[in-house]
Amino acid sequence: MRLIELPPRGDPTWSGDAPDPSRSGAPWRVYNIGNNRPIEVTELVGLLEQALGKSAIRELAPMQPGDVRETCADVADLTAAVGFAPKTSIEDGIKRFVRWYLRYREGGPQ
């Protein structure tokens, strides 16, 4: 919602002679919106299990080609643009998401 009042503008200094993939002459902007604290997949699965009250069937496998060891959202650009910083913990976010999804799946109010 905070970005509605900030339409993106192209970067007039961008050059195709030395392109920077994080910038463009076109009027667009992409922001990461998430929590900037990485967690392990097993922790995420555990949180989903708790929220759903069910155990997952886990088939652990070694790292696959293309897997990354760690990733997290870098929200620095969004914080600079509109002052957003994540406040919802992953634990609370998963609980809230599961509650919403179960209501959605049953066709209830969102």
Protein backbone atom coordinates (compact mmCIF):
# COMPACT_ATOMS: atom_id res chain seq x y z
CA MET A 1 0.00 0.00 0.00
CA ARG A 2 2.84 2.38 0.79
CA LEU A 3 4.17 2.04 -2.76
CA ILE A 4 0.94 3.16 -4.46
CA GLU A 5 1.91 6.78 -3.96
CA LEU A 6 5.44 6.14 -5.32
CA PRO A 7 5.15 5.19 -8.99
CA PRO A 8 8.44 3.85 -10.34
CA ARG A 9 10.61 6.00 -12.58
CA GLY A 10 13.26 4.95 -15.02
CA ASP A 11 16.89 5.61 -14.21
CA PRO A 12 18.06 8.29 -16.67
CA THR A 13 21.71 7.33 -16.08
CA TRP A 14 21.19 3.71 -17.15
CA SER A 15 23.14 2.74 -20.27
CA GLY A 16 22.88 -0.26 -22.57
CA ASP A 17 26.62 0.07 -23.15
CA ALA A 18 27.29 -0.99 -19.54
CA PRO A 19 23.97 -2.46 -18.37
CA ASP A 20 23.33 -2.99 -14.68
CA PRO A 21 20.63 -5.68 -14.25
CA SER A 22 19.42 -4.07 -11.02
CA ARG A 23 18.51 -0.82 -12.84
CA SER A 24 16.75 0.18 -16.03
CA GLY A 25 15.72 3.13 -18.16
CA ALA A 26 12.19 1.67 -18.02
CA PRO A 27 9.80 2.73 -15.23
CA TRP A 28 9.75 -0.38 -13.03
CA ARG A 29 10.90 -1.44 -9.61
CA VAL A 30 11.01 -4.85 -7.92
CA TYR A 31 11.15 -5.13 -4.13
CA ASN A 32 11.79 -8.07 -1.89
CA ILE A 33 9.03 -8.30 0.71
CA GLY A 34 9.81 -10.85 3.37
CA ASN A 35 11.64 -11.56 6.54
CA ASN A 36 15.38 -11.02 6.33
CA ARG A 37 16.20 -13.84 8.76
CA PRO A 38 17.06 -17.13 7.05
CA ILE A 39 15.65 -20.36 8.51
CA GLU A 40 16.31 -23.99 7.68
CA VAL A 41 13.77 -25.87 5.60
CA THR A 42 13.35 -28.37 8.44
CA GLU A 43 12.36 -25.51 10.77
CA LEU A 44 9.80 -24.27 8.24
CA VAL A 45 8.37 -27.78 7.89
CA GLY A 46 8.20 -28.06 11.69
CA LEU A 47 6.27 -24.79 11.93
CA LEU A 48 3.83 -25.99 9.27
CA GLU A 49 3.41 -29.28 11.12
CA GLN A 50 2.60 -27.40 14.35
CA ALA A 51 0.13 -25.05 12.69
CA LEU A 52 -1.63 -27.89 10.83
CA GLY A 53 -1.50 -30.38 13.68
CA LYS A 54 -0.10 -33.00 11.31
CA SER A 55 3.28 -34.59 10.74
CA ALA A 56 4.86 -34.28 7.31
CA ILE A 57 6.15 -37.29 5.44
CA ARG A 58 9.80 -36.37 5.08
CA GLU A 59 12.10 -37.84 2.46
CA LEU A 60 15.45 -36.18 3.07
CA ALA A 61 17.83 -36.14 0.13
CA PRO A 62 21.28 -34.69 -0.44
CA MET A 63 21.65 -31.27 -2.00
CA GLN A 64 20.53 -31.28 -5.63
CA PRO A 65 22.03 -29.35 -8.55
CA GLY A 66 20.69 -25.81 -8.35
CA ASP A 67 19.95 -25.96 -4.60
CA VAL A 68 21.26 -23.03 -2.59
CA ARG A 69 22.64 -23.38 0.93
CA GLU A 70 21.03 -20.20 2.27
CA THR A 71 18.78 -17.44 1.05
CA CYS A 72 16.74 -14.66 2.62
CA ALA A 73 14.92 -11.53 1.53
CA ASP A 74 17.02 -8.37 1.38
CA VAL A 75 14.46 -5.68 2.18
CA ALA A 76 16.95 -2.77 2.29
CA ASP A 77 15.56 -1.10 -0.87
CA LEU A 78 11.99 -1.32 0.40
CA THR A 79 13.03 0.03 3.80
CA ALA A 80 14.80 2.95 2.11
CA ALA A 81 11.83 3.70 -0.17
CA VAL A 82 8.94 3.52 2.30
CA GLY A 83 10.31 2.67 5.73
CA PHE A 84 9.06 -0.94 5.67
CA ALA A 85 10.83 -3.41 7.90
CA PRO A 86 9.44 -6.88 8.64
CA LYS A 87 7.89 -7.19 12.09
CA THR A 88 6.03 -10.50 11.77
CA SER A 89 8.05 -13.46 12.99
CA ILE A 90 8.14 -16.57 10.84
CA GLU A 91 6.39 -18.43 13.64
CA ASP A 92 3.47 -15.99 13.74
CA GLY A 93 3.40 -15.60 9.95
CA ILE A 94 3.08 -19.36 9.38
CA LYS A 95 0.26 -19.64 11.94
CA ARG A 96 -1.61 -16.74 10.34
CA PHE A 97 -1.05 -18.09 6.83
CA VAL A 98 -2.31 -21.56 7.74
CA ARG A 99 -5.44 -20.09 9.40
CA TRP A 100 -6.12 -17.98 6.30
CA TYR A 101 -5.47 -20.86 3.90
CA LEU A 102 -7.74 -23.28 5.74
CA ARG A 103 -10.58 -20.71 5.69
CA TYR A 104 -9.89 -20.00 2.00
CA ARG A 105 -9.91 -23.71 1.12
CA GLU A 106 -13.27 -24.13 2.84
CA GLY A 107 -14.69 -21.13 0.97
CA GLY A 108 -15.05 -19.06 4.14
CA PRO A 109 -14.42 -15.33 4.63
CA GLN A 110 -10.90 -14.20 3.91
